[in-house]
Amino acid sequence: PGGIPVGAASWDAPITSSQTSFEYKVTVAGSYSYVCTPH
């Protein structure tokens, strides 16, 4: 939160053995930061 450019879509997706991938298309220029919520 607060770590993506204004106008960019936020995301929150699990990456596990049962859901092994997630894709995010970049539509807004700027700096992005993200985390693994449990860690």
Full PDB file with SEQRES, HELIX, SHEET, SSBOND, CRYST1, ORIGX, SCALE, CONECT and MASTER records, all heavy atoms in Angstrom:
SEQRES   1 A   39  PRO GLY GLY ILE PRO VAL GLY ALA ALA SER TRP ASP ALA          
SEQRES   2 A   39  PRO ILE THR SER SER GLN THR SER PHE GLU TYR LYS VAL          
SEQRES   3 A   39  THR VAL ALA GLY SER TYR SER TYR VAL CYS THR PRO HIS          
CRYST1    1.000    1.000    1.000  90.00  90.00  90.00 P 1           1          
ORIGX1      1.000000  0.000000  0.000000        0.00000                         
ORIGX2      0.000000  1.000000  0.000000        0.00000                         
ORIGX3      0.000000  0.000000  1.000000        0.00000                         
SCALE1      1.000000  0.000000  0.000000        0.00000                         
SCALE2      0.000000  1.000000  0.000000        0.00000                         
SCALE3      0.000000  0.000000  1.000000        0.00000                         
ATOM      1  N   PRO A   1       0.843  -1.209   0.000  1.00  0.00           N  
ATOM      2  CA  PRO A   1       0.000   0.000   0.000  1.00  0.00           C  
ATOM      3  C   PRO A   1       0.871   1.250   0.000  1.00  0.00           C  
ATOM      4  O   PRO A   1       1.815   1.385   0.785  1.00  0.00           O  
ATOM      5  CB  PRO A   1      -0.799  -0.123   1.289  1.00  0.00           C  
ATOM      6  CG  PRO A   1      -0.813  -1.579   1.585  1.00  0.00           C  
ATOM      7  CD  PRO A   1       0.524  -2.106   1.110  1.00  0.00           C  
ATOM      8  N   GLY A   2       0.588   2.142  -0.921  1.00  0.00           N  
ATOM      9  CA  GLY A   2       1.390   3.352  -1.047  1.00  0.00           C  
ATOM     10  C   GLY A   2       2.681   3.144  -1.783  1.00  0.00           C  
ATOM     11  O   GLY A   2       3.443   4.091  -1.978  1.00  0.00           O  
ATOM     12  N   GLY A   3       2.917   1.899  -2.202  1.00  0.00           N  
ATOM     13  CA  GLY A   3       4.175   1.602  -2.866  1.00  0.00           C  
ATOM     14  C   GLY A   3       4.029   1.384  -4.363  1.00  0.00           C  
ATOM     15  O   GLY A   3       4.927   0.787  -4.970  1.00  0.00           O  
ATOM     16  N   ILE A   4       2.914   1.805  -4.936  1.00  0.00           N  
ATOM     17  CA  ILE A   4       2.724   1.696  -6.388  1.00  0.00           C  
ATOM     18  C   ILE A   4       2.305   3.054  -6.928  1.00  0.00           C  
ATOM     19  O   ILE A   4       1.769   3.887  -6.179  1.00  0.00           O  
ATOM     20  CB  ILE A   4       1.675   0.620  -6.754  1.00  0.00           C  
ATOM     21  CG1 ILE A   4       0.309   0.963  -6.156  1.00  0.00           C  
ATOM     22  CG2 ILE A   4       2.140  -0.760  -6.307  1.00  0.00           C  
ATOM     23  CD1 ILE A   4      -0.783  -0.005  -6.575  1.00  0.00           C  
ATOM     24  N   PRO A   5       2.537   3.332  -8.227  1.00  0.00           N  
ATOM     25  CA  PRO A   5       2.197   4.639  -8.790  1.00  0.00           C  
ATOM     26  C   PRO A   5       0.685   4.893  -8.776  1.00  0.00           C  
ATOM     27  O   PRO A   5      -0.123   3.959  -8.790  1.00  0.00           O  
ATOM     28  CB  PRO A   5       2.714   4.564 -10.235  1.00  0.00           C  
ATOM     29  CG  PRO A   5       3.686   3.436 -10.244  1.00  0.00           C  
ATOM     30  CD  PRO A   5       3.217   2.471  -9.219  1.00  0.00           C  
ATOM     31  N   VAL A   6       0.326   6.169  -8.740  1.00  0.00           N  
ATOM     32  CA  VAL A   6      -1.078   6.558  -8.803  1.00  0.00           C  
ATOM     33  C   VAL A   6      -1.655   6.095 -10.142  1.00  0.00           C  
ATOM     34  O   VAL A   6      -1.052   6.271 -11.200  1.00  0.00           O  
ATOM     35  CB  VAL A   6      -1.239   8.091  -8.679  1.00  0.00           C  
ATOM     36  CG1 VAL A   6      -2.692   8.506  -8.868  1.00  0.00           C  
ATOM     37  CG2 VAL A   6      -0.706   8.556  -7.332  1.00  0.00           C  
ATOM     38  N   GLY A   7      -2.803   5.452 -10.065  1.00  0.00           N  
ATOM     39  CA  GLY A   7      -3.453   4.954 -11.274  1.00  0.00           C  
ATOM     40  C   GLY A   7      -3.160   3.508 -11.571  1.00  0.00           C  
ATOM     41  O   GLY A   7      -3.841   2.903 -12.407  1.00  0.00           O  
ATOM     42  N   ALA A   8      -2.151   2.940 -10.909  1.00  0.00           N  
ATOM     43  CA  ALA A   8      -1.831   1.538 -11.136  1.00  0.00           C  
ATOM     44  C   ALA A   8      -2.750   0.657 -10.299  1.00  0.00           C  
ATOM     45  O   ALA A   8      -3.158   1.028  -9.191  1.00  0.00           O  
ATOM     46  CB  ALA A   8      -0.377   1.254 -10.784  1.00  0.00           C  
ATOM     47  N   ALA A   9      -3.070  -0.525 -10.812  1.00  0.00           N  
ATOM     48  CA  ALA A   9      -3.934  -1.463 -10.086  1.00  0.00           C  
ATOM     49  C   ALA A   9      -3.124  -2.193  -9.016  1.00  0.00           C  
ATOM     50  O   ALA A   9      -1.990  -2.609  -9.265  1.00  0.00           O  
ATOM     51  CB  ALA A   9      -4.549  -2.449 -11.067  1.00  0.00           C  
ATOM     52  N   SER A  10      -3.706  -2.345  -7.830  1.00  0.00           N  
ATOM     53  CA  SER A  10      -3.060  -3.128  -6.770  1.00  0.00           C  
ATOM     54  C   SER A  10      -3.315  -4.608  -7.019  1.00  0.00           C  
ATOM     55  O   SER A  10      -4.167  -4.978  -7.829  1.00  0.00           O  
ATOM     56  CB  SER A  10      -3.606  -2.724  -5.403  1.00  0.00           C  
ATOM     57  OG  SER A  10      -5.006  -2.950  -5.343  1.00  0.00           O  
ATOM     58  N   TRP A  11      -2.564  -5.494  -6.325  1.00  0.00           N  
ATOM     59  CA  TRP A  11      -2.773  -6.932  -6.472  1.00  0.00           C  
ATOM     60  C   TRP A  11      -2.463  -7.652  -5.173  1.00  0.00           C  
ATOM     61  O   TRP A  11      -1.722  -7.166  -4.325  1.00  0.00           O  
ATOM     62  CB  TRP A  11      -1.923  -7.486  -7.605  1.00  0.00           C  
ATOM     63  CG  TRP A  11      -0.440  -7.532  -7.329  1.00  0.00           C  
ATOM     64  CD1 TRP A  11       0.267  -8.563  -6.809  1.00  0.00           C  
ATOM     65  CD2 TRP A  11       0.516  -6.465  -7.536  1.00  0.00           C  
ATOM     66  NE1 TRP A  11       1.596  -8.254  -6.695  1.00  0.00           N  
ATOM     67  CE2 TRP A  11       1.780  -6.966  -7.138  1.00  0.00           C  
ATOM     68  CE3 TRP A  11       0.431  -5.171  -8.023  1.00  0.00           C  
ATOM     69  CZ2 TRP A  11       2.941  -6.205  -7.210  1.00  0.00           C  
ATOM     70  CZ3 TRP A  11       1.583  -4.423  -8.091  1.00  0.00           C  
ATOM     71  CH2 TRP A  11       2.820  -4.927  -7.692  1.00  0.00           C  
ATOM     72  N   ASP A  12      -3.057  -8.807  -5.009  1.00  0.00           N  
ATOM     73  CA  ASP A  12      -2.826  -9.661  -3.831  1.00  0.00           C  
ATOM     74  C   ASP A  12      -3.197 -11.078  -4.241  1.00  0.00           C  
ATOM     75  O   ASP A  12      -4.374 -11.396  -4.412  1.00  0.00           O  
ATOM     76  CB  ASP A  12      -3.688  -9.197  -2.658  1.00  0.00           C  
ATOM     77  CG  ASP A  12      -3.456 -10.039  -1.403  1.00  0.00           C  
ATOM     78  OD1 ASP A  12      -2.424 -10.738  -1.336  1.00  0.00           O  
ATOM     79  OD2 ASP A  12      -4.327  -9.999  -0.511  1.00  0.00           O  
ATOM     80  N   ALA A  13      -2.185 -11.925  -4.464  1.00  0.00           N  
ATOM     81  CA  ALA A  13      -2.444 -13.263  -4.979  1.00  0.00           C  
ATOM     82  C   ALA A  13      -1.588 -14.278  -4.254  1.00  0.00           C  
ATOM     83  O   ALA A  13      -0.410 -14.027  -3.964  1.00  0.00           O  
ATOM     84  CB  ALA A  13      -2.137 -13.299  -6.477  1.00  0.00           C  
ATOM     85  N   PRO A  14      -2.151 -15.452  -3.916  1.00  0.00           N  
ATOM     86  CA  PRO A  14      -1.367 -16.512  -3.280  1.00  0.00           C  
ATOM     87  C   PRO A  14      -0.440 -17.181  -4.284  1.00  0.00           C  
ATOM     88  O   PRO A  14      -0.770 -17.317  -5.466  1.00  0.00           O  
ATOM     89  CB  PRO A  14      -2.441 -17.491  -2.794  1.00  0.00           C  
ATOM     90  CG  PRO A  14      -3.594 -17.272  -3.722  1.00  0.00           C  
ATOM     91  CD  PRO A  14      -3.575 -15.816  -4.075  1.00  0.00           C  
ATOM     92  N   ILE A  15       0.737 -17.572  -3.810  1.00  0.00           N  
ATOM     93  CA  ILE A  15       1.675 -18.367  -4.619  1.00  0.00           C  
ATOM     94  C   ILE A  15       1.974 -19.608  -3.791  1.00  0.00           C  
ATOM     95  O   ILE A  15       2.778 -19.570  -2.841  1.00  0.00           O  
ATOM     96  CB  ILE A  15       2.966 -17.593  -4.928  1.00  0.00           C  
ATOM     97  CG1 ILE A  15       2.653 -16.272  -5.638  1.00  0.00           C  
ATOM     98  CG2 ILE A  15       3.889 -18.454  -5.793  1.00  0.00           C  
ATOM     99  CD1 ILE A  15       2.042 -16.425  -6.996  1.00  0.00           C  
ATOM    100  N   THR A  16       1.312 -20.719  -4.126  1.00  0.00           N  
ATOM    101  CA  THR A  16       1.413 -21.941  -3.334  1.00  0.00           C  
ATOM    102  C   THR A  16       1.541 -23.128  -4.275  1.00  0.00           C  
ATOM    103  O   THR A  16       1.512 -22.990  -5.501  1.00  0.00           O  
ATOM    104  CB  THR A  16       0.157 -22.123  -2.453  1.00  0.00           C  
ATOM    105  OG1 THR A  16      -0.976 -22.320  -3.311  1.00  0.00           O  
ATOM    106  CG2 THR A  16      -0.091 -20.905  -1.580  1.00  0.00           C  
ATOM    107  N   SER A  17       1.643 -24.298  -3.676  1.00  0.00           N  
ATOM    108  CA  SER A  17       1.755 -25.505  -4.491  1.00  0.00           C  
ATOM    109  C   SER A  17       0.485 -25.790  -5.271  1.00  0.00           C  
ATOM    110  O   SER A  17       0.519 -26.504  -6.269  1.00  0.00           O  
ATOM    111  CB  SER A  17       2.101 -26.698  -3.587  1.00  0.00           C  
ATOM    112  OG  SER A  17       1.084 -26.872  -2.605  1.00  0.00           O  
ATOM    113  N   SER A  18      -0.648 -25.235  -4.819  1.00  0.00           N  
ATOM    114  CA  SER A  18      -1.903 -25.445  -5.543  1.00  0.00           C  
ATOM    115  C   SER A  18      -2.240 -24.279  -6.481  1.00  0.00           C  
ATOM    116  O   SER A  18      -3.044 -24.423  -7.387  1.00  0.00           O  
ATOM    117  CB  SER A  18      -3.054 -25.663  -4.549  1.00  0.00           C  
ATOM    118  OG  SER A  18      -3.195 -24.536  -3.699  1.00  0.00           O  
ATOM    119  N   GLN A  19      -1.676 -23.110  -6.223  1.00  0.00           N  
ATOM    120  CA  GLN A  19      -1.832 -21.960  -7.128  1.00  0.00           C  
ATOM    121  C   GLN A  19      -0.428 -21.454  -7.419  1.00  0.00           C  
ATOM    122  O   GLN A  19       0.110 -20.616  -6.705  1.00  0.00           O  
ATOM    123  CB  GLN A  19      -2.705 -20.874  -6.484  1.00  0.00           C  
ATOM    124  CG  GLN A  19      -3.045 -19.753  -7.451  1.00  0.00           C  
ATOM    125  CD  GLN A  19      -4.185 -18.884  -6.944  1.00  0.00           C  
ATOM    126  OE1 GLN A  19      -5.056 -19.359  -6.216  1.00  0.00           O  
ATOM    127  NE2 GLN A  19      -4.176 -17.622  -7.322  1.00  0.00           N  
ATOM    128  N   THR A  20       0.150 -21.967  -8.478  1.00  0.00           N  
ATOM    129  CA  THR A  20       1.592 -21.871  -8.662  1.00  0.00           C  
ATOM    130  C   THR A  20       2.067 -20.630  -9.409  1.00  0.00           C  
ATOM    131  O   THR A  20       3.271 -20.427  -9.539  1.00  0.00           O  
ATOM    132  CB  THR A  20       2.100 -23.099  -9.428  1.00  0.00           C  
ATOM    133  OG1 THR A  20       1.414 -23.176 -10.688  1.00  0.00           O  
ATOM    134  CG2 THR A  20       1.841 -24.381  -8.635  1.00  0.00           C  
ATOM    135  N   SER A  21       1.174 -19.784  -9.887  1.00  0.00           N  
ATOM    136  CA  SER A  21       1.649 -18.594 -10.604  1.00  0.00           C  
ATOM    137  C   SER A  21       0.605 -17.483 -10.557  1.00  0.00           C  
ATOM    138  O   SER A  21      -0.582 -17.730 -10.303  1.00  0.00           O  
ATOM    139  CB  SER A  21       1.984 -18.930 -12.061  1.00  0.00           C  
ATOM    140  OG  SER A  21       0.813 -19.259 -12.765  1.00  0.00           O  
ATOM    141  N   PHE A  22       1.084 -16.254 -10.808  1.00  0.00           N  
ATOM    142  CA  PHE A  22       0.207 -15.076 -10.913  1.00  0.00           C  
ATOM    143  C   PHE A  22       0.883 -14.086 -11.853  1.00  0.00           C  
ATOM    144  O   PHE A  22       2.109 -13.919 -11.798  1.00  0.00           O  
ATOM    145  CB  PHE A  22      -0.017 -14.438  -9.543  1.00  0.00           C  
ATOM    146  CG  PHE A  22      -0.750 -13.123  -9.627  1.00  0.00           C  
ATOM    147  CD1 PHE A  22      -2.105 -13.070  -9.920  1.00  0.00           C  
ATOM    148  CD2 PHE A  22      -0.058 -11.923  -9.443  1.00  0.00           C  
ATOM    149  CE1 PHE A  22      -2.765 -11.852 -10.015  1.00  0.00           C  
ATOM    150  CE2 PHE A  22      -0.714 -10.700  -9.539  1.00  0.00           C  
ATOM    151  CZ  PHE A  22      -2.081 -10.666  -9.828  1.00  0.00           C  
ATOM    152  N   GLU A  23       0.086 -13.428 -12.730  1.00  0.00           N  
ATOM    153  CA  GLU A  23       0.642 -12.461 -13.683  1.00  0.00           C  
ATOM    154  C   GLU A  23       0.023 -11.091 -13.459  1.00  0.00           C  
ATOM    155  O   GLU A  23      -1.179 -10.973 -13.165  1.00  0.00           O  
ATOM    156  CB  GLU A  23       0.386 -12.911 -15.129  1.00  0.00           C  
ATOM    157  CG  GLU A  23       1.180 -14.136 -15.510  1.00  0.00           C  
ATOM    158  CD  GLU A  23       1.058 -14.456 -16.991  1.00  0.00           C  
ATOM    159  OE1 GLU A  23       0.243 -13.801 -17.678  1.00  0.00           O  
ATOM    160  OE2 GLU A  23       1.784 -15.351 -17.463  1.00  0.00           O  
ATOM    161  N   TYR A  24       0.867 -10.093 -13.638  1.00  0.00           N  
ATOM    162  CA  TYR A  24       0.430  -8.697 -13.480  1.00  0.00           C  
ATOM    163  C   TYR A  24       0.966  -7.903 -14.674  1.00  0.00           C  
ATOM    164  O   TYR A  24       2.179  -7.871 -14.911  1.00  0.00           O  
ATOM    165  CB  TYR A  24       0.967  -8.107 -12.177  1.00  0.00           C  
ATOM    166  CG  TYR A  24       0.603  -6.648 -11.948  1.00  0.00           C  
ATOM    167  CD1 TYR A  24      -0.652  -6.295 -11.450  1.00  0.00           C  
ATOM    168  CD2 TYR A  24       1.520  -5.638 -12.221  1.00  0.00           C  
ATOM    169  CE1 TYR A  24      -0.986  -4.957 -11.237  1.00  0.00           C  
ATOM    170  CE2 TYR A  24       1.194  -4.302 -12.016  1.00  0.00           C  
ATOM    171  CZ  TYR A  24      -0.065  -3.969 -11.525  1.00  0.00           C  
ATOM    172  OH  TYR A  24      -0.394  -2.643 -11.303  1.00  0.00           O  
ATOM    173  N   LYS A  25       0.054  -7.274 -15.438  1.00  0.00           N  
ATOM    174  CA  LYS A  25       0.472  -6.465 -16.580  1.00  0.00           C  
ATOM    175  C   LYS A  25       0.671  -5.028 -16.127  1.00  0.00           C  
ATOM    176  O   LYS A  25      -0.213  -4.424 -15.521  1.00  0.00           O  
ATOM    177  CB  LYS A  25      -0.566  -6.508 -17.706  1.00  0.00           C  
ATOM    178  CG  LYS A  25      -0.089  -5.787 -18.966  1.00  0.00           C  
ATOM    179  CD  LYS A  25      -1.028  -6.014 -20.150  1.00  0.00           C  
ATOM    180  CE  LYS A  25      -0.481  -5.337 -21.391  1.00  0.00           C  
ATOM    181  NZ  LYS A  25      -1.348  -5.560 -22.576  1.00  0.00           N  
ATOM    182  N   VAL A  26       1.818  -4.477 -16.461  1.00  0.00           N  
ATOM    183  CA  VAL A  26       2.189  -3.127 -16.043  1.00  0.00           C  
ATOM    184  C   VAL A  26       1.590  -2.126 -17.031  1.00  0.00           C  
ATOM    185  O   VAL A  26       1.863  -2.182 -18.230  1.00  0.00           O  
ATOM    186  CB  VAL A  26       3.722  -2.972 -15.992  1.00  0.00           C  
ATOM    187  CG1 VAL A  26       4.087  -1.574 -15.499  1.00  0.00           C  
ATOM    188  CG2 VAL A  26       4.334  -4.036 -15.099  1.00  0.00           C  
ATOM    189  N   THR A  27       0.780  -1.217 -16.511  1.00  0.00           N  
ATOM    190  CA  THR A  27       0.124  -0.220 -17.370  1.00  0.00           C  
ATOM    191  C   THR A  27       0.505   1.214 -17.042  1.00  0.00           C  
ATOM    192  O   THR A  27       0.193   2.124 -17.812  1.00  0.00           O  
ATOM    193  CB  THR A  27      -1.410  -0.351 -17.261  1.00  0.00           C  
ATOM    194  OG1 THR A  27      -1.801  -0.143 -15.889  1.00  0.00           O  
ATOM    195  CG2 THR A  27      -1.883  -1.727 -17.716  1.00  0.00           C  
ATOM    196  N   VAL A  28       1.180   1.423 -15.903  1.00  0.00           N  
ATOM    197  CA  VAL A  28       1.539   2.773 -15.469  1.00  0.00           C  
ATOM    198  C   VAL A  28       3.028   2.809 -15.137  1.00  0.00           C  
ATOM    199  O   VAL A  28       3.545   1.904 -14.467  1.00  0.00           O  
ATOM    200  CB  VAL A  28       0.717   3.218 -14.232  1.00  0.00           C  
ATOM    201  CG1 VAL A  28       1.119   4.620 -13.780  1.00  0.00           C  
ATOM    202  CG2 VAL A  28      -0.776   3.154 -14.535  1.00  0.00           C  
ATOM    203  N   ALA A  29       3.720   3.820 -15.652  1.00  0.00           N  
ATOM    204  CA  ALA A  29       5.141   3.968 -15.352  1.00  0.00           C  
ATOM    205  C   ALA A  29       5.351   4.376 -13.895  1.00  0.00           C  
ATOM    206  O   ALA A  29       4.507   5.047 -13.292  1.00  0.00           O  
ATOM    207  CB  ALA A  29       5.759   5.006 -16.283  1.00  0.00           C  
ATOM    208  N   GLY A  30       6.472   3.946 -13.315  1.00  0.00           N  
ATOM    209  CA  GLY A  30       6.809   4.318 -11.940  1.00  0.00           C  
ATOM    210  C   GLY A  30       7.445   3.173 -11.187  1.00  0.00           C  
ATOM    211  O   GLY A  30       7.769   2.128 -11.757  1.00  0.00           O  
ATOM    212  N   SER A  31       7.618   3.378  -9.845  1.00  0.00           N  
ATOM    213  CA  SER A  31       8.258   2.383  -8.986  1.00  0.00           C  
ATOM    214  C   SER A  31       7.201   1.590  -8.220  1.00  0.00           C  
ATOM    215  O   SER A  31       6.237   2.165  -7.693  1.00  0.00           O  
ATOM    216  CB  SER A  31       9.199   3.068  -7.990  1.00  0.00           C  
ATOM    217  OG  SER A  31      10.249   3.718  -8.688  1.00  0.00           O  
ATOM    218  N   TYR A  32       7.388   0.259  -8.154  1.00  0.00           N  
ATOM    219  CA  TYR A  32       6.447  -0.648  -7.493  1.00  0.00           C  
ATOM    220  C   TYR A  32       7.194  -1.421  -6.404  1.00  0.00           C  
ATOM    221  O   TYR A  32       8.333  -1.848  -6.608  1.00  0.00           O  
ATOM    222  CB  TYR A  32       5.867  -1.644  -8.490  1.00  0.00           C  
ATOM    223  CG  TYR A  32       4.994  -1.047  -9.571  1.00  0.00           C  
ATOM    224  CD1 TYR A  32       5.553  -0.327 -10.634  1.00  0.00           C  
ATOM    225  CD2 TYR A  32       3.613  -1.236  -9.565  1.00  0.00           C  
ATOM    226  CE1 TYR A  32       4.753   0.202 -11.648  1.00  0.00           C  
ATOM    227  CE2 TYR A  32       2.809  -0.715 -10.568  1.00  0.00           C  
ATOM    228  CZ  TYR A  32       3.379   0.007 -11.614  1.00  0.00           C  
ATOM    229  OH  TYR A  32       2.593   0.515 -12.598  1.00  0.00           O  
ATOM    230  N   SER A  33       6.542  -1.638  -5.277  1.00  0.00           N  
ATOM    231  CA  SER A  33       7.093  -2.509  -4.231  1.00  0.00           C  
ATOM    232  C   SER A  33       6.003  -3.482  -3.798  1.00  0.00           C  
ATOM    233  O   SER A  33       4.819  -3.153  -3.823  1.00  0.00           O  
ATOM    234  CB  SER A  33       7.592  -1.697  -3.031  1.00  0.00           C  
ATOM    235  OG  SER A  33       6.533  -0.966  -2.440  1.00  0.00           O  
ATOM    236  N   TYR A  34       6.432  -4.709  -3.414  1.00  0.00           N  
ATOM    237  CA  TYR A  34       5.465  -5.728  -3.035  1.00  0.00           C  
ATOM    238  C   TYR A  34       6.118  -6.631  -1.986  1.00  0.00           C  
ATOM    239  O   TYR A  34       7.348  -6.641  -1.809  1.00  0.00           O  
ATOM    240  CB  TYR A  34       4.994  -6.530  -4.247  1.00  0.00           C  
ATOM    241  CG  TYR A  34       6.094  -7.256  -4.976  1.00  0.00           C  
ATOM    242  CD1 TYR A  34       6.405  -8.584  -4.657  1.00  0.00           C  
ATOM    243  CD2 TYR A  34       6.841  -6.616  -5.975  1.00  0.00           C  
ATOM    244  CE1 TYR A  34       7.424  -9.250  -5.325  1.00  0.00           C  
ATOM    245  CE2 TYR A  34       7.854  -7.277  -6.640  1.00  0.00           C  
ATOM    246  CZ  TYR A  34       8.143  -8.608  -6.304  1.00  0.00           C  
ATOM    247  OH  TYR A  34       9.156  -9.264  -6.947  1.00  0.00           O  
ATOM    248  N   VAL A  35       5.287  -7.412  -1.302  1.00  0.00           N  
ATOM    249  CA  VAL A  35       5.777  -8.281  -0.223  1.00  0.00           C  
ATOM    250  C   VAL A  35       5.058  -9.616  -0.274  1.00  0.00           C  
ATOM    251  O   VAL A  35       4.049  -9.767  -0.965  1.00  0.00           O  
ATOM    252  CB  VAL A  35       5.554  -7.641   1.172  1.00  0.00           C  
ATOM    253  CG1 VAL A  35       6.347  -6.360   1.312  1.00  0.00           C  
ATOM    254  CG2 VAL A  35       4.057  -7.398   1.411  1.00  0.00           C  
ATOM    255  N   CYS A  36       5.596 -10.566   0.453  1.00  0.00           N  
ATOM    256  CA  CYS A  36       4.859 -11.789   0.792  1.00  0.00           C  
ATOM    257  C   CYS A  36       4.225 -11.531   2.149  1.00  0.00           C  
ATOM    258  O   CYS A  36       4.943 -11.312   3.143  1.00  0.00           O  
ATOM    259  CB  CYS A  36       5.803 -12.985   0.849  1.00  0.00           C  
ATOM    260  SG  CYS A  36       5.037 -14.461   1.579  1.00  0.00           S  
ATOM    261  N   THR A  37       2.917 -11.508   2.195  1.00  0.00           N  
ATOM    262  CA  THR A  37       2.215 -11.100   3.416  1.00  0.00           C  
ATOM    263  C   THR A  37       2.636 -11.906   4.651  1.00  0.00           C  
ATOM    264  O   THR A  37       2.933 -11.317   5.709  1.00  0.00           O  
ATOM    265  CB  THR A  37       0.693 -11.185   3.214  1.00  0.00           C  
ATOM    266  OG1 THR A  37       0.334 -10.356   2.107  1.00  0.00           O  
ATOM    267  CG2 THR A  37      -0.052 -10.723   4.452  1.00  0.00           C  
ATOM    268  N   PRO A  38       2.736 -13.252   4.586  1.00  0.00           N  
ATOM    269  CA  PRO A  38       3.122 -13.989   5.813  1.00  0.00           C  
ATOM    270  C   PRO A  38       4.557 -13.731   6.254  1.00  0.00           C  
ATOM    271  O   PRO A  38       4.909 -13.938   7.422  1.00  0.00           O  
ATOM    272  CB  PRO A  38       2.927 -15.462   5.411  1.00  0.00           C  
ATOM    273  CG  PRO A  38       2.034 -15.433   4.214  1.00  0.00           C  
ATOM    274  CD  PRO A  38       2.359 -14.164   3.505  1.00  0.00           C  
ATOM    275  N   HIS A  39       5.417 -13.299   5.308  1.00  0.00           N  
ATOM    276  CA  HIS A  39       6.834 -13.195   5.627  1.00  0.00           C  
ATOM    277  C   HIS A  39       7.380 -11.780   5.489  1.00  0.00           C  
ATOM    278  O   HIS A  39       8.587 -11.595   5.326  1.00  0.00           O  
ATOM    279  CB  HIS A  39       7.636 -14.153   4.734  1.00  0.00           C  
ATOM    280  CG  HIS A  39       7.178 -15.571   4.842  1.00  0.00           C  
ATOM    281  ND1 HIS A  39       6.572 -16.246   3.790  1.00  0.00           N  
ATOM    282  CD2 HIS A  39       7.201 -16.453   5.890  1.00  0.00           C  
ATOM    283  CE1 HIS A  39       6.262 -17.463   4.183  1.00  0.00           C  
ATOM    284  NE2 HIS A  39       6.635 -17.623   5.468  1.00  0.00           N  
TER     285      HIS A  39                                                      
MASTER        0    0    0    0    0    0    0    6  284    1    0    3          
END                                                                             
